[in-house]
Amino acid sequence: MSVPLSDLKVGETGVIAKMNFKGAARQRLLAMGLVKGETILVKRVAPLGDPIDFVIKGYHLSLRKTEASEILVEPQG
């Protein structure tokens, strides 16, 4: 069952299942390591809820909540 990446809570992990981006935005995210099958961890959320800090492939990546909602993940226990 896939859920938007933005729905995960701090400390939860998910495996990327699908990205709903096209063109340059998709290429930029792929270049940053957001590829299908990769595990991503929600590290922290800004005080007002935007942006969200993730850890993927050992580095921190901050995405806006609207961007994170376009990435579907399979939640991991």
Protein backbone atom coordinates (compact mmCIF):
# COMPACT_ATOMS: atom_id res chain seq x y z
CA MET A 1 0.00 0.00 0.00
CA SER A 2 1.72 3.20 -1.18
CA VAL A 3 1.37 6.47 0.70
CA PRO A 4 2.75 9.94 -0.06
CA LEU A 5 6.21 10.55 1.40
CA SER A 6 4.83 13.64 3.14
CA ASP A 7 2.54 11.40 5.27
CA LEU A 8 5.43 9.63 7.02
CA LYS A 9 6.27 10.79 10.55
CA VAL A 10 9.70 11.63 11.97
CA GLY A 11 11.75 8.44 12.36
CA GLU A 12 9.71 6.41 9.86
CA THR A 13 11.22 4.93 6.71
CA GLY A 14 9.78 4.02 3.36
CA VAL A 15 10.86 2.49 0.07
CA ILE A 16 10.26 4.68 -2.96
CA ALA A 17 7.62 3.11 -5.20
CA LYS A 18 6.75 5.89 -7.66
CA MET A 19 7.43 9.55 -8.44
CA ASN A 20 4.73 11.69 -10.03
CA PHE A 21 7.12 14.17 -11.66
CA LYS A 22 7.91 14.86 -15.30
CA GLY A 23 10.71 16.60 -17.18
CA ALA A 24 13.43 18.60 -15.47
CA ALA A 25 12.01 18.16 -11.97
CA ARG A 26 12.08 14.37 -12.35
CA GLN A 27 15.65 14.42 -13.65
CA ARG A 28 16.77 16.64 -10.75
CA LEU A 29 15.25 14.29 -8.17
CA LEU A 30 16.68 11.20 -9.86
CA ALA A 31 20.13 12.82 -9.82
CA MET A 32 19.75 13.38 -6.06
CA GLY A 33 19.19 9.65 -5.50
CA LEU A 34 15.39 9.47 -5.38
CA VAL A 35 15.09 6.28 -7.40
CA LYS A 36 12.57 3.46 -7.20
CA GLY A 37 13.51 0.91 -4.54
CA GLU A 38 15.66 3.28 -2.47
CA THR A 39 14.99 3.55 1.28
CA ILE A 40 14.31 7.04 2.65
CA LEU A 41 14.09 8.15 6.30
CA VAL A 42 12.19 11.15 7.67
CA LYS A 43 14.78 12.87 9.86
CA ARG A 44 12.99 16.05 10.97
CA VAL A 45 10.24 18.49 10.07
CA ALA A 46 10.57 22.29 10.23
CA PRO A 47 8.52 24.00 12.98
CA LEU A 48 5.83 25.14 10.53
CA GLY A 49 5.79 21.76 8.75
CA ASP A 50 7.67 22.82 5.62
CA PRO A 51 10.31 21.79 4.51
CA ILE A 52 10.88 18.19 5.57
CA ASP A 53 14.41 16.80 6.05
CA PHE A 54 15.06 13.27 4.74
CA VAL A 55 18.07 10.97 4.77
CA ILE A 56 18.68 9.00 1.58
CA LYS A 57 21.90 7.23 0.56
CA GLY A 58 23.62 8.66 3.65
CA TYR A 59 22.97 12.36 3.02
CA HIS A 60 20.31 14.87 4.07
CA LEU A 61 17.81 16.13 1.53
CA SER A 62 15.17 18.77 2.25
CA LEU A 63 11.99 18.83 0.19
CA ARG A 64 8.91 21.00 0.32
CA LYS A 65 5.79 19.24 1.54
CA THR A 66 4.18 19.63 -1.91
CA GLU A 67 7.18 17.91 -3.55
CA ALA A 68 7.19 15.11 -0.97
CA SER A 69 3.48 14.50 -1.55
CA GLU A 70 4.22 13.60 -5.20
CA ILE A 71 6.54 10.75 -4.16
CA LEU A 72 4.82 7.49 -3.22
CA VAL A 73 6.53 5.13 -0.77
CA GLU A 74 5.88 1.74 0.78
CA PRO A 75 6.10 2.35 4.58
CA GLN A 76 8.55 0.13 6.47
CA GLY A 77 7.86 -0.96 10.05
